[in-house]
Protein backbone atom coordinates (compact mmCIF):
# COMPACT_ATOMS: atom_id res chain seq x y z
CA MET A 1 -236.47 -20.91 -77.91
CA THR A 2 -233.48 -23.20 -77.03
CA LYS A 3 -230.03 -21.89 -75.38
CA ASN A 4 -228.45 -22.92 -78.93
CA THR A 5 -230.82 -20.55 -80.73
CA GLN A 6 -229.57 -17.92 -78.55
CA LYS A 7 -226.10 -18.67 -78.95
CA ARG A 8 -226.25 -18.73 -82.92
CA PHE A 9 -227.78 -15.44 -82.62
CA LEU A 10 -224.46 -13.91 -81.94
CA GLU A 11 -222.70 -15.84 -84.57
CA TYR A 12 -223.99 -13.11 -87.17
CA GLU A 13 -221.51 -10.01 -86.81
CA LEU A 14 -224.54 -8.12 -87.51
CA ASN A 15 -226.69 -9.04 -84.48
CA ARG A 16 -223.43 -8.68 -82.30
CA LYS A 17 -223.16 -5.04 -83.63
CA VAL A 18 -226.95 -4.41 -83.06
CA LEU A 19 -226.69 -5.26 -79.50
CA ASN A 20 -223.33 -3.37 -79.08
CA GLU A 21 -225.40 -0.14 -80.54
CA TYR A 22 -227.96 -0.94 -78.07
CA LEU A 23 -225.39 -1.11 -75.07
CA ILE A 24 -224.08 2.39 -76.10
CA ASP A 25 -227.23 4.38 -76.14
CA SER A 26 -230.82 2.26 -76.00
CA ARG A 27 -232.73 5.46 -76.86
CA ARG A 28 -231.37 5.55 -80.47
CA SER A 29 -233.87 4.98 -83.12
CA PHE A 30 -233.94 2.04 -85.43
CA ARG A 31 -233.16 4.67 -88.02
CA GLU A 32 -229.87 6.12 -86.22
CA ILE A 33 -228.73 2.64 -85.74
CA ALA A 34 -229.24 1.73 -89.23
CA ARG A 35 -227.44 4.56 -90.43
CA THR A 36 -224.41 3.97 -88.10
CA LEU A 37 -224.15 0.19 -89.46
CA ASP A 38 -225.00 1.22 -92.96
CA VAL A 39 -228.23 -1.33 -93.36
CA ALA A 40 -231.70 -0.61 -93.79
CA PRO A 41 -234.10 0.09 -90.81
CA GLY A 42 -235.99 -2.90 -91.48
CA THR A 43 -232.94 -5.07 -91.13
CA ILE A 44 -232.44 -3.35 -87.37
CA VAL A 45 -236.27 -3.55 -86.52
CA SER A 46 -235.92 -7.40 -87.40
CA ARG A 47 -232.87 -8.24 -85.41
CA VAL A 48 -234.01 -6.50 -82.57
CA ASN A 49 -237.38 -8.06 -82.58
CA GLN A 50 -235.63 -11.33 -83.02
CA ALA A 51 -233.25 -10.64 -79.85
CA GLU A 52 -236.44 -9.55 -77.91
CA ASN A 53 -238.20 -12.87 -78.80
CA LEU A 54 -235.41 -15.09 -77.92
CA GLY A 55 -234.72 -13.26 -74.43
CA ILE A 56 -231.62 -11.92 -75.28
CA ILE A 57 -232.83 -8.20 -74.74
CA GLU A 58 -234.74 -8.22 -71.81
CA LYS A 59 -235.29 -4.64 -71.23
CA TYR A 60 -234.51 -1.14 -71.95
CA THR A 61 -232.74 0.70 -69.09
CA ALA A 62 -230.48 3.52 -68.13
CA LYS A 63 -226.78 3.31 -66.74
CA ILE A 64 -226.70 4.86 -63.19
CA ASN A 65 -223.71 6.33 -61.92
CA HIS A 66 -223.69 5.23 -58.21
CA LYS A 67 -221.26 7.30 -56.81
CA ALA A 68 -223.44 10.40 -58.01
CA LEU A 69 -226.14 9.18 -55.88
CA GLY A 70 -223.76 8.77 -53.00
CA LEU A 71 -223.41 5.06 -53.11
CA GLY A 72 -219.41 5.33 -52.99
CA VAL A 73 -218.80 2.30 -50.82
CA THR A 74 -218.73 -0.75 -52.46
CA ALA A 75 -218.23 -4.30 -50.75
CA ILE A 76 -217.76 -8.08 -51.82
CA PHE A 77 -219.37 -10.50 -49.17
CA ARG A 78 -218.07 -14.01 -49.34
CA VAL A 79 -220.78 -15.81 -47.59
CA THR A 80 -220.89 -19.60 -46.50
CA LEU A 81 -224.50 -21.16 -45.89
CA ALA A 82 -225.64 -23.26 -43.34
CA THR A 83 -228.76 -23.64 -45.36
CA LYS A 84 -229.65 -23.18 -48.90
CA GLY A 85 -232.61 -20.68 -48.26
CA LEU A 86 -230.47 -17.67 -49.14
CA LEU A 87 -230.41 -18.80 -52.56
CA ASP A 88 -234.17 -18.88 -52.82
CA PRO A 89 -235.96 -16.44 -55.25
CA GLY A 90 -238.25 -14.83 -52.51
CA HIS A 91 -235.33 -14.49 -49.99
CA SER A 92 -235.34 -10.73 -48.67
CA ILE A 93 -231.84 -10.38 -49.86
CA TYR A 94 -233.10 -9.65 -53.09
CA THR A 95 -234.67 -6.83 -52.20
CA ARG A 96 -232.45 -5.36 -49.34
CA PRO A 97 -231.16 -1.72 -50.34
CA GLY A 98 -227.75 -2.06 -51.29
CA VAL A 99 -227.49 -5.35 -52.60
CA PHE A 100 -226.94 -5.40 -56.20
CA ALA A 101 -225.91 -8.75 -57.29
CA VAL A 102 -226.23 -12.32 -55.55
CA TYR A 103 -224.13 -15.32 -56.79
CA GLY A 104 -224.15 -18.88 -55.90
CA VAL A 105 -220.45 -20.03 -56.72
CA THR A 106 -218.33 -22.70 -56.33
CA GLY A 107 -215.30 -23.28 -53.89
CA ASN A 108 -215.04 -22.35 -50.27
CA THR A 109 -217.80 -20.04 -50.54
CA ASP A 110 -221.32 -20.50 -51.31
CA VAL A 111 -222.47 -17.17 -52.28
CA ILE A 112 -221.10 -13.82 -53.56
CA ILE A 113 -222.59 -10.78 -52.50
CA ILE A 114 -221.96 -7.53 -54.08
CA GLY A 115 -223.31 -4.28 -52.05
CA LYS A 116 -222.98 -0.66 -52.62
CA PHE A 117 -223.90 1.82 -49.65
CA THR A 118 -223.71 5.33 -48.94
CA ASP A 119 -221.15 5.22 -45.89
CA THR A 120 -219.41 2.47 -43.74
CA GLU A 121 -222.20 2.86 -40.94
CA LYS A 122 -224.69 1.43 -43.60
CA LEU A 123 -222.05 -1.21 -44.68
CA TYR A 124 -221.81 -2.08 -41.03
CA GLU A 125 -225.42 -2.32 -40.66
CA PHE A 126 -225.98 -4.62 -43.76
CA THR A 127 -223.04 -6.97 -42.27
CA GLN A 128 -224.76 -7.17 -39.03
CA TRP A 129 -228.08 -8.28 -40.63
CA LEU A 130 -226.42 -10.72 -43.05
CA ASN A 131 -224.39 -12.46 -40.24
CA GLU A 132 -227.58 -12.73 -38.37
CA LEU A 133 -229.77 -15.00 -41.09
CA LYS A 134 -230.22 -18.07 -40.40
CA GLU A 135 -228.87 -19.43 -43.64
CA VAL A 136 -225.34 -17.91 -42.99
CA SER A 137 -222.90 -19.70 -41.22
CA GLY A 138 -220.23 -17.18 -42.01
CA ALA A 139 -219.19 -14.06 -43.97
CA HIS A 140 -216.05 -12.42 -45.15
CA THR A 141 -216.26 -8.72 -45.96
CA ASN A 142 -214.17 -7.12 -48.53
CA VAL A 143 -214.36 -3.45 -49.00
CA VAL A 144 -213.35 -2.08 -52.85
CA LEU A 145 -210.86 0.48 -52.56
CA ASN A 146 -210.52 1.11 -56.33
CA THR A 147 -212.42 0.05 -59.11
CA GLY A 148 -210.62 -0.90 -62.09
CA LYS A 149 -213.44 -1.83 -63.89
CA GLU A 150 -217.04 -2.13 -63.67
CA ASP A 151 -219.18 -2.34 -66.70
CA PHE A 152 -222.27 -4.92 -66.90
CA ASN A 153 -223.51 -3.23 -70.21
CA THR A 154 -220.85 -4.87 -72.55
CA LEU A 155 -220.63 -7.57 -74.77
């Protein structure tokens, strides 16, 4: 499957609508989605299977309210690297509690990390741990005071 095939998938309005329906609620049946979009259930089955085979739908999951779980402190870490090891797939940063995203980026910063913590003490502990990593030459932390929008489940 090529990237072009994946991109072409979204050129069809029905494919985009099917994906949006799954983003709203991935527990819905093919029949329910077909009824909503006014198409045959077999059409939905076909489009979903195609999206799965192309790697567009990777898995079905729940949207979690992090604040309800006590993860009310969000921080953005702008990290400058001394070595490239932090981005290696096996690095412990990927399994560290509180880490929700790790991005290699351009500009004055090498890596952006998004973290969520129960309190500022846990945030501080993570900051100390991050700064002690041999791969890190510097890190700047921004604490999020107000979230205008945070939704990675949109198309």
